[in-house]
Amino acid sequence: MKRLLSGLVAVALTIPVFLGLTKIDAIPGWLYSERGYVVLSPLFRIFGAVGVEGHEDVVVGVLLVASFAIALAIAYGGPVLWRTTRRTAH
């Protein structure tokens, strides 16, 4: 039951984390630069992304996956950190 709840919390936090990541100018700036395109070029080929619209979909997908990974770390790591700090405080 705790895993299901943590998974739902991670899903719910994905969009706020995504919005936070896109507010950091360096991340989208790097992803849309020439170096970002070189790093993401294997994904462009795998998904058959052609043109700006296709590349945009891949970049947004990468940001969403990163956002979900961060949200998952928050959802699973938060309670562990909470319990650890409460035990040491007593």
PDB file of N, CA and C in Angstrom:
ATOM      1  N   MET A   1       0.816  -1.194   0.000  1.00  0.00           N
ATOM      2  CA  MET A   1       0.000   0.000   0.000  1.00  0.00           C
ATOM      3  C   MET A   1       0.861   1.260   0.000  1.00  0.00           C
ATOM      4  N   LYS A   2       1.972   1.221   0.748  1.00  0.00           N
ATOM      5  CA  LYS A   2       2.851   2.384   0.783  1.00  0.00           C
ATOM      6  C   LYS A   2       3.509   2.637  -0.576  1.00  0.00           C
ATOM      7  N   ARG A   3       3.841   1.549  -1.263  1.00  0.00           N
ATOM      8  CA  ARG A   3       4.456   1.708  -2.585  1.00  0.00           C
ATOM      9  C   ARG A   3       3.485   2.334  -3.573  1.00  0.00           C
ATOM     10  N   LEU A   4       2.231   1.902  -3.511  1.00  0.00           N
ATOM     11  CA  LEU A   4       1.221   2.466  -4.398  1.00  0.00           C
ATOM     12  C   LEU A   4       1.034   3.956  -4.113  1.00  0.00           C
ATOM     13  N   LEU A   5       0.967   4.308  -2.847  1.00  0.00           N
ATOM     14  CA  LEU A   5       0.813   5.712  -2.468  1.00  0.00           C
ATOM     15  C   LEU A   5       2.022   6.535  -2.908  1.00  0.00           C
ATOM     16  N   SER A   6       3.210   5.983  -2.708  1.00  0.00           N
ATOM     17  CA  SER A   6       4.415   6.702  -3.145  1.00  0.00           C
ATOM     18  C   SER A   6       4.438   6.852  -4.663  1.00  0.00           C
ATOM     19  N   GLY A   7       3.996   5.838  -5.375  1.00  0.00           N
ATOM     20  CA  GLY A   7       3.932   5.933  -6.836  1.00  0.00           C
ATOM     21  C   GLY A   7       2.941   6.988  -7.295  1.00  0.00           C
ATOM     22  N   LEU A   8       1.792   7.052  -6.633  1.00  0.00           N
ATOM     23  CA  LEU A   8       0.804   8.078  -6.979  1.00  0.00           C
ATOM     24  C   LEU A   8       1.315   9.478  -6.656  1.00  0.00           C
ATOM     25  N   VAL A   9       2.028   9.608  -5.549  1.00  0.00           N
ATOM     26  CA  VAL A   9       2.619  10.903  -5.203  1.00  0.00           C
ATOM     27  C   VAL A   9       3.653  11.302  -6.256  1.00  0.00           C
ATOM     28  N   ALA A  10       4.438  10.332  -6.712  1.00  0.00           N
ATOM     29  CA  ALA A  10       5.439  10.625  -7.740  1.00  0.00           C
ATOM     30  C   ALA A  10       4.778  11.086  -9.034  1.00  0.00           C
ATOM     31  N   VAL A  11       3.689  10.421  -9.416  1.00  0.00           N
ATOM     32  CA  VAL A  11       2.969  10.835 -10.627  1.00  0.00           C
ATOM     33  C   VAL A  11       2.403  12.242 -10.459  1.00  0.00           C
ATOM     34  N   ALA A  12       1.851  12.516  -9.270  1.00  0.00           N
ATOM     35  CA  ALA A  12       1.269  13.837  -9.021  1.00  0.00           C
ATOM     36  C   ALA A  12       2.342  14.923  -8.992  1.00  0.00           C
ATOM     37  N   LEU A  13       3.548  14.597  -8.567  1.00  0.00           N
ATOM     38  CA  LEU A  13       4.625  15.594  -8.490  1.00  0.00           C
ATOM     39  C   LEU A  13       5.363  15.793  -9.809  1.00  0.00           C
ATOM     40  N   THR A  14       5.122  14.957 -10.786  1.00  0.00           N
ATOM     41  CA  THR A  14       5.877  15.034 -12.039  1.00  0.00           C
ATOM     42  C   THR A  14       5.698  16.379 -12.735  1.00  0.00           C
ATOM     43  N   ILE A  15       4.485  16.850 -12.856  1.00  0.00           N
ATOM     44  CA  ILE A  15       4.246  18.120 -13.561  1.00  0.00           C
ATOM     45  C   ILE A  15       4.838  19.315 -12.797  1.00  0.00           C
ATOM     46  N   PRO A  16       4.643  19.426 -11.469  1.00  0.00           N
ATOM     47  CA  PRO A  16       5.310  20.542 -10.778  1.00  0.00           C
ATOM     48  C   PRO A  16       6.834  20.497 -10.894  1.00  0.00           C
ATOM     49  N   VAL A  17       7.417  19.306 -10.830  1.00  0.00           N
ATOM     50  CA  VAL A  17       8.873  19.195 -10.990  1.00  0.00           C
ATOM     51  C   VAL A  17       9.267  19.577 -12.411  1.00  0.00           C
ATOM     52  N   PHE A  18       8.473  19.162 -13.399  1.00  0.00           N
ATOM     53  CA  PHE A  18       8.723  19.524 -14.794  1.00  0.00           C
ATOM     54  C   PHE A  18       8.714  21.041 -14.962  1.00  0.00           C
ATOM     55  N   LEU A  19       7.715  21.682 -14.381  1.00  0.00           N
ATOM     56  CA  LEU A  19       7.649  23.142 -14.469  1.00  0.00           C
ATOM     57  C   LEU A  19       8.838  23.791 -13.787  1.00  0.00           C
ATOM     58  N   GLY A  20       9.284  23.219 -12.678  1.00  0.00           N
ATOM     59  CA  GLY A  20      10.468  23.736 -12.001  1.00  0.00           C
ATOM     60  C   GLY A  20      11.726  23.563 -12.841  1.00  0.00           C
ATOM     61  N   LEU A  21      11.856  22.416 -13.495  1.00  0.00           N
ATOM     62  CA  LEU A  21      13.026  22.192 -14.352  1.00  0.00           C
ATOM     63  C   LEU A  21      13.062  23.142 -15.533  1.00  0.00           C
ATOM     64  N   THR A  22      11.907  23.415 -16.110  1.00  0.00           N
ATOM     65  CA  THR A  22      11.893  24.309 -17.264  1.00  0.00           C
ATOM     66  C   THR A  22      12.120  25.766 -16.871  1.00  0.00           C
ATOM     67  N   LYS A  23      11.928  26.095 -15.593  1.00  0.00           N
ATOM     68  CA  LYS A  23      12.212  27.461 -15.131  1.00  0.00           C
ATOM     69  C   LYS A  23      13.706  27.703 -14.951  1.00  0.00           C
ATOM     70  N   ILE A  24      14.484  26.628 -14.826  1.00  0.00           N
ATOM     71  CA  ILE A  24      15.936  26.761 -14.735  1.00  0.00           C
ATOM     72  C   ILE A  24      16.442  26.958 -16.164  1.00  0.00           C
ATOM     73  N   ASP A  25      16.848  28.157 -16.488  1.00  0.00           N
ATOM     74  CA  ASP A  25      17.177  28.504 -17.873  1.00  0.00           C
ATOM     75  C   ASP A  25      18.309  27.673 -18.462  1.00  0.00           C
ATOM     76  N   ALA A  26      19.208  27.189 -17.626  1.00  0.00           N
ATOM     77  CA  ALA A  26      20.362  26.455 -18.142  1.00  0.00           C
ATOM     78  C   ALA A  26      19.963  25.107 -18.741  1.00  0.00           C
ATOM     79  N   ILE A  27      18.955  24.444 -18.186  1.00  0.00           N
ATOM     80  CA  ILE A  27      18.605  23.103 -18.663  1.00  0.00           C
ATOM     81  C   ILE A  27      17.983  23.149 -20.059  1.00  0.00           C
ATOM     82  N   PRO A  28      16.881  23.889 -20.273  1.00  0.00           N
ATOM     83  CA  PRO A  28      16.366  23.955 -21.653  1.00  0.00           C
ATOM     84  C   PRO A  28      17.360  24.616 -22.603  1.00  0.00           C
ATOM     85  N   GLY A  29      18.116  25.582 -22.096  1.00  0.00           N
ATOM     86  CA  GLY A  29      19.116  26.232 -22.939  1.00  0.00           C
ATOM     87  C   GLY A  29      20.150  25.252 -23.456  1.00  0.00           C
ATOM     88  N   TRP A  30      20.579  24.334 -22.574  1.00  0.00           N
ATOM     89  CA  TRP A  30      21.542  23.332 -22.994  1.00  0.00           C
ATOM     90  C   TRP A  30      20.895  22.315 -23.926  1.00  0.00           C
ATOM     91  N   LEU A  31      19.675  21.884 -23.621  1.00  0.00           N
ATOM     92  CA  LEU A  31      19.014  20.883 -24.450  1.00  0.00           C
ATOM     93  C   LEU A  31      18.742  21.394 -25.861  1.00  0.00           C
ATOM     94  N   TYR A  32      18.504  22.687 -26.001  1.00  0.00           N
ATOM     95  CA  TYR A  32      18.222  23.255 -27.319  1.00  0.00           C
ATOM     96  C   TYR A  32      19.474  23.777 -28.017  1.00  0.00           C
ATOM     97  N   SER A  33      20.634  23.638 -27.385  1.00  0.00           N
ATOM     98  CA  SER A  33      21.871  24.094 -28.013  1.00  0.00           C
ATOM     99  C   SER A  33      22.406  23.021 -28.948  1.00  0.00           C
ATOM    100  N   GLU A  34      23.490  23.341 -29.616  1.00  0.00           N
ATOM    101  CA  GLU A  34      24.115  22.381 -30.537  1.00  0.00           C
ATOM    102  C   GLU A  34      24.626  21.159 -29.776  1.00  0.00           C
ATOM    103  N   ARG A  35      25.215  21.373 -28.606  1.00  0.00           N
ATOM    104  CA  ARG A  35      25.700  20.243 -27.801  1.00  0.00           C
ATOM    105  C   ARG A  35      24.547  19.344 -27.358  1.00  0.00           C
ATOM    106  N   GLY A  36      23.431  19.952 -26.970  1.00  0.00           N
ATOM    107  CA  GLY A  36      22.260  19.170 -26.573  1.00  0.00           C
ATOM    108  C   GLY A  36      21.747  18.324 -27.721  1.00  0.00           C
ATOM    109  N   TYR A  37      21.750  18.887 -28.907  1.00  0.00           N
ATOM    110  CA  TYR A  37      21.295  18.134 -30.084  1.00  0.00           C
ATOM    111  C   TYR A  37      22.240  16.979 -30.396  1.00  0.00           C
ATOM    112  N   VAL A  38      23.527  17.181 -30.166  1.00  0.00           N
ATOM    113  CA  VAL A  38      24.485  16.099 -30.401  1.00  0.00           C
ATOM    114  C   VAL A  38      24.247  14.969 -29.405  1.00  0.00           C
ATOM    115  N   VAL A  39      24.020  15.314 -28.141  1.00  0.00           N
ATOM    116  CA  VAL A  39      23.770  14.296 -27.110  1.00  0.00           C
ATOM    117  C   VAL A  39      22.454  13.568 -27.371  1.00  0.00           C
ATOM    118  N   LEU A  40      21.439  14.304 -27.802  1.00  0.00           N
ATOM    119  CA  LEU A  40      20.123  13.705 -28.024  1.00  0.00           C
ATOM    120  C   LEU A  40      19.946  13.096 -29.416  1.00  0.00           C
ATOM    121  N   SER A  41      20.937  13.213 -30.269  1.00  0.00           N
ATOM    122  CA  SER A  41      20.788  12.702 -31.638  1.00  0.00           C
ATOM    123  C   SER A  41      20.471  11.209 -31.701  1.00  0.00           C
ATOM    124  N   PRO A  42      20.997  10.358 -30.809  1.00  0.00           N
ATOM    125  CA  PRO A  42      20.549   8.946 -30.865  1.00  0.00           C
ATOM    126  C   PRO A  42      19.043   8.807 -30.599  1.00  0.00           C
ATOM    127  N   LEU A  43      18.509   9.603 -29.680  1.00  0.00           N
ATOM    128  CA  LEU A  43      17.065   9.553 -29.421  1.00  0.00           C
ATOM    129  C   LEU A  43      16.277  10.074 -30.616  1.00  0.00           C
ATOM    130  N   PHE A  44      16.801  11.090 -31.286  1.00  0.00           N
ATOM    131  CA  PHE A  44      16.131  11.605 -32.480  1.00  0.00           C
ATOM    132  C   PHE A  44      16.039  10.513 -33.543  1.00  0.00           C
ATOM    133  N   ARG A  45      17.126   9.756 -33.701  1.00  0.00           N
ATOM    134  CA  ARG A  45      17.121   8.677 -34.702  1.00  0.00           C
ATOM    135  C   ARG A  45      16.201   7.538 -34.283  1.00  0.00           C
ATOM    136  N   ILE A  46      16.233   7.157 -32.991  1.00  0.00           N
ATOM    137  CA  ILE A  46      15.389   6.056 -32.519  1.00  0.00           C
ATOM    138  C   ILE A  46      13.915   6.357 -32.745  1.00  0.00           C
ATOM    139  N   PHE A  47      13.501   7.583 -32.411  1.00  0.00           N
ATOM    140  CA  PHE A  47      12.086   7.941 -32.523  1.00  0.00           C
ATOM    141  C   PHE A  47      11.723   8.516 -33.879  1.00  0.00           C
ATOM    142  N   GLY A  48      12.679   8.616 -34.782  1.00  0.00           N
ATOM    143  CA  GLY A  48      12.393   9.119 -36.120  1.00  0.00           C
ATOM    144  C   GLY A  48      11.973  10.576 -36.128  1.00  0.00           C
ATOM    145  N   ALA A  49      12.542  11.349 -35.216  1.00  0.00           N
ATOM    146  CA  ALA A  49      12.188  12.760 -35.104  1.00  0.00           C
ATOM    147  C   ALA A  49      12.850  13.547 -36.232  1.00  0.00           C
ATOM    148  N   VAL A  50      12.015  14.244 -36.993  1.00  0.00           N
ATOM    149  CA  VAL A  50      12.508  15.054 -38.098  1.00  0.00           C
ATOM    150  C   VAL A  50      11.975  16.461 -37.916  1.00  0.00           C
ATOM    151  N   GLY A  51      12.856  17.433 -38.036  1.00  0.00           N
ATOM    152  CA  GLY A  51      12.431  18.822 -37.944  1.00  0.00           C
ATOM    153  C   GLY A  51      12.303  19.293 -36.510  1.00  0.00           C
ATOM    154  N   VAL A  52      11.953  20.541 -36.389  1.00  0.00           N
ATOM    155  CA  VAL A  52      11.872  21.181 -35.077  1.00  0.00           C
ATOM    156  C   VAL A  52      10.783  20.552 -34.215  1.00  0.00           C
ATOM    157  N   GLU A  53       9.632  20.250 -34.801  1.00  0.00           N
ATOM    158  CA  GLU A  53       8.530  19.689 -34.025  1.00  0.00           C
ATOM    159  C   GLU A  53       8.883  18.312 -33.471  1.00  0.00           C
ATOM    160  N   GLY A  54       9.519  17.489 -34.262  1.00  0.00           N
ATOM    161  CA  GLY A  54       9.939  16.167 -33.810  1.00  0.00           C
ATOM    162  C   GLY A  54      10.990  16.243 -32.721  1.00  0.00           C
ATOM    163  N   HIS A  55      11.935  17.158 -32.884  1.00  0.00           N
ATOM    164  CA  HIS A  55      12.967  17.337 -31.865  1.00  0.00           C
ATOM    165  C   HIS A  55      12.365  17.882 -30.581  1.00  0.00           C
ATOM    166  N   GLU A  56      11.392  18.752 -30.709  1.00  0.00           N
ATOM    167  CA  GLU A  56      10.718  19.313 -29.531  1.00  0.00           C
ATOM    168  C   GLU A  56      10.042  18.209 -28.722  1.00  0.00           C
ATOM    169  N   ASP A  57       9.419  17.268 -29.394  1.00  0.00           N
ATOM    170  CA  ASP A  57       8.761  16.157 -28.692  1.00  0.00           C
ATOM    171  C   ASP A  57       9.765  15.332 -27.896  1.00  0.00           C
ATOM    172  N   VAL A  58      10.925  15.083 -28.483  1.00  0.00           N
ATOM    173  CA  VAL A  58      11.949  14.300 -27.796  1.00  0.00           C
ATOM    174  C   VAL A  58      12.486  15.066 -26.587  1.00  0.00           C
ATOM    175  N   VAL A  59      12.733  16.348 -26.742  1.00  0.00           N
ATOM    176  CA  VAL A  59      13.247  17.159 -25.628  1.00  0.00           C
ATOM    177  C   VAL A  59      12.234  17.201 -24.493  1.00  0.00           C
ATOM    178  N   VAL A  60      10.967  17.390 -24.800  1.00  0.00           N
ATOM    179  CA  VAL A  60       9.933  17.403 -23.769  1.00  0.00           C
ATOM    180  C   VAL A  60       9.842  16.030 -23.100  1.00  0.00           C
ATOM    181  N   GLY A  61       9.967  14.976 -23.878  1.00  0.00           N
ATOM    182  CA  GLY A  61       9.955  13.630 -23.310  1.00  0.00           C
ATOM    183  C   GLY A  61      11.113  13.397 -22.358  1.00  0.00           C
ATOM    184  N   VAL A  62      12.295  13.877 -22.716  1.00  0.00           N
ATOM    185  CA  VAL A  62      13.464  13.743 -21.847  1.00  0.00           C
ATOM    186  C   VAL A  62      13.236  14.512 -20.547  1.00  0.00           C
ATOM    187  N   LEU A  63      12.697  15.719 -20.652  1.00  0.00           N
ATOM    188  CA  LEU A  63      12.419  16.510 -19.447  1.00  0.00           C
ATOM    189  C   LEU A  63      11.351  15.853 -18.572  1.00  0.00           C
ATOM    190  N   LEU A  64      10.341  15.241 -19.189  1.00  0.00           N
ATOM    191  CA  LEU A  64       9.307  14.553 -18.405  1.00  0.00           C
ATOM    192  C   LEU A  64       9.856  13.315 -17.699  1.00  0.00           C
ATOM    193  N   VAL A  65      10.708  12.569 -18.371  1.00  0.00           N
ATOM    194  CA  VAL A  65      11.316  11.392 -17.737  1.00  0.00           C
ATOM    195  C   VAL A  65      12.217  11.826 -16.573  1.00  0.00           C
ATOM    196  N   ALA A  66      12.994  12.876 -16.784  1.00  0.00           N
ATOM    197  CA  ALA A  66      13.839  13.387 -15.697  1.00  0.00           C
ATOM    198  C   ALA A  66      12.980  13.895 -14.542  1.00  0.00           C
ATOM    199  N   SER A  67      11.868  14.555 -14.854  1.00  0.00           N
ATOM    200  CA  SER A  67      10.969  15.059 -13.813  1.00  0.00           C
ATOM    201  C   SER A  67      10.358  13.913 -13.023  1.00  0.00           C
ATOM    202  N   PHE A  68       9.970  12.838 -13.712  1.00  0.00           N
ATOM    203  CA  PHE A  68       9.400  11.693 -13.010  1.00  0.00           C
ATOM    204  C   PHE A  68      10.439  11.028 -12.123  1.00  0.00           C
ATOM    205  N   ALA A  69      11.687  10.944 -12.588  1.00  0.00           N
ATOM    206  CA  ALA A  69      12.748  10.348 -11.777  1.00  0.00           C
ATOM    207  C   ALA A  69      12.995  11.171 -10.515  1.00  0.00           C
ATOM    208  N   ILE A  70      12.999  12.489 -10.643  1.00  0.00           N
ATOM    209  CA  ILE A  70      13.184  13.350  -9.475  1.00  0.00           C
ATOM    210  C   ILE A  70      11.993  13.238  -8.540  1.00  0.00           C
ATOM    211  N   ALA A  71      10.785  13.223  -9.097  1.00  0.00           N
ATOM    212  CA  ALA A  71       9.581  13.090  -8.269  1.00  0.00           C
ATOM    213  C   ALA A  71       9.557  11.742  -7.558  1.00  0.00           C
ATOM    214  N   LEU A  72      10.015  10.692  -8.212  1.00  0.00           N
ATOM    215  CA  LEU A  72      10.087   9.374  -7.593  1.00  0.00           C
ATOM    216  C   LEU A  72      11.084   9.378  -6.437  1.00  0.00           C
ATOM    217  N   ALA A  73      12.209  10.047  -6.622  1.00  0.00           N
ATOM    218  CA  ALA A  73      13.191  10.156  -5.537  1.00  0.00           C
ATOM    219  C   ALA A  73      12.615  10.927  -4.357  1.00  0.00           C
ATOM    220  N   ILE A  74      11.839  11.968  -4.634  1.00  0.00           N
ATOM    221  CA  ILE A  74      11.210  12.733  -3.560  1.00  0.00           C
ATOM    222  C   ILE A  74      10.160  11.884  -2.849  1.00  0.00           C
ATOM    223  N   ALA A  75       9.352  11.169  -3.623  1.00  0.00           N
ATOM    224  CA  ALA A  75       8.260  10.388  -3.037  1.00  0.00           C
ATOM    225  C   ALA A  75       8.777   9.227  -2.198  1.00  0.00           C
ATOM    226  N   TYR A  76       9.827   8.565  -2.632  1.00  0.00           N
ATOM    227  CA  TYR A  76      10.357   7.437  -1.876  1.00  0.00           C
ATOM    228  C   TYR A  76      11.397   7.868  -0.838  1.00  0.00           C
ATOM    229  N   GLY A  77      12.172   8.893  -1.140  1.00  0.00           N
ATOM    230  CA  GLY A  77      13.220   9.333  -0.221  1.00  0.00           C
ATOM    231  C   GLY A  77      12.733  10.243   0.879  1.00  0.00           C
ATOM    232  N   GLY A  78      11.651  10.955   0.638  1.00  0.00           N
ATOM    233  CA  GLY A  78      11.121  11.871   1.646  1.00  0.00           C
ATOM    234  C   GLY A  78      10.729  11.198   2.946  1.00  0.00           C
ATOM    235  N   PRO A  79       9.914  10.151   2.910  1.00  0.00           N
ATOM    236  CA  PRO A  79       9.542   9.470   4.154  1.00  0.00           C
ATOM    237  C   PRO A  79      10.735   8.845   4.882  1.00  0.00           C
ATOM    238  N   VAL A  80      11.693   8.327   4.128  1.00  0.00           N
ATOM    239  CA  VAL A  80      12.883   7.742   4.752  1.00  0.00           C
ATOM    240  C   VAL A  80      13.672   8.828   5.466  1.00  0.00           C
ATOM    241  N   LEU A  81      13.847   9.950   4.817  1.00  0.00           N
ATOM    242  CA  LEU A  81      14.554  11.068   5.430  1.00  0.00           C
ATOM    243  C   LEU A  81      13.805  11.588   6.648  1.00  0.00           C
ATOM    244  N   TRP A  82      12.493  11.648   6.561  1.00  0.00           N
ATOM    245  CA  TRP A  82      11.659  12.101   7.672  1.00  0.00           C
ATOM    246  C   TRP A  82      11.831  11.196   8.891  1.00  0.00           C
ATOM    247  N   ARG A  83      11.757   9.867   8.681  1.00  0.00           N
ATOM    248  CA  ARG A  83      11.916   8.921   9.787  1.00  0.00           C
ATOM    249  C   ARG A  83      13.314   9.006  10.384  1.00  0.00           C
ATOM    250  N   THR A  84      14.318   9.145   9.553  1.00  0.00           N
ATOM    251  CA  THR A  84      15.689   9.204  10.032  1.00  0.00           C
ATOM    252  C   THR A  84      15.927  10.443  10.887  1.00  0.00           C
ATOM    253  N   THR A  85      15.425  11.577  10.444  1.00  0.00           N
ATOM    254  CA  THR A  85      15.636  12.802  11.215  1.00  0.00           C
ATOM    255  C   THR A  85      14.813  12.809  12.505  1.00  0.00           C
ATOM    256  N   ARG A  86      13.661  12.172  12.502  1.00  0.00           N
ATOM    257  CA  ARG A  86      12.852  12.114  13.715  1.00  0.00           C
ATOM    258  C   ARG A  86      13.484  11.203  14.752  1.00  0.00           C
ATOM    259  N   ARG A  87      14.108  10.105  14.307  1.00  0.00           N
ATOM    260  CA  ARG A  87      14.775   9.193  15.245  1.00  0.00           C
ATOM    261  C   ARG A  87      15.977   9.845  15.898  1.00  0.00           C
ATOM    262  N   THR A  88      16.734  10.604  15.131  1.00  0.00           N
ATOM    263  CA  THR A  88      17.951  11.232  15.685  1.00  0.00           C
ATOM    264  C   THR A  88      17.594  12.421  16.555  1.00  0.00           C
ATOM    265  N   ALA A  89      16.426  13.009  16.368  1.00  0.00           N
ATOM    266  CA  ALA A  89      16.037  14.175  17.175  1.00  0.00           C
ATOM    267  C   ALA A  89      15.595  13.770  18.571  1.00  0.00           C
ATOM    268  N   HIS A  90      15.153  12.530  18.749  1.00  0.00           N
ATOM    269  CA  HIS A  90      14.661  12.088  20.058  1.00  0.00           C
ATOM    270  C   HIS A  90      15.737  11.536  20.909  1.00  0.00           C
TER     271      HIS A  90
END
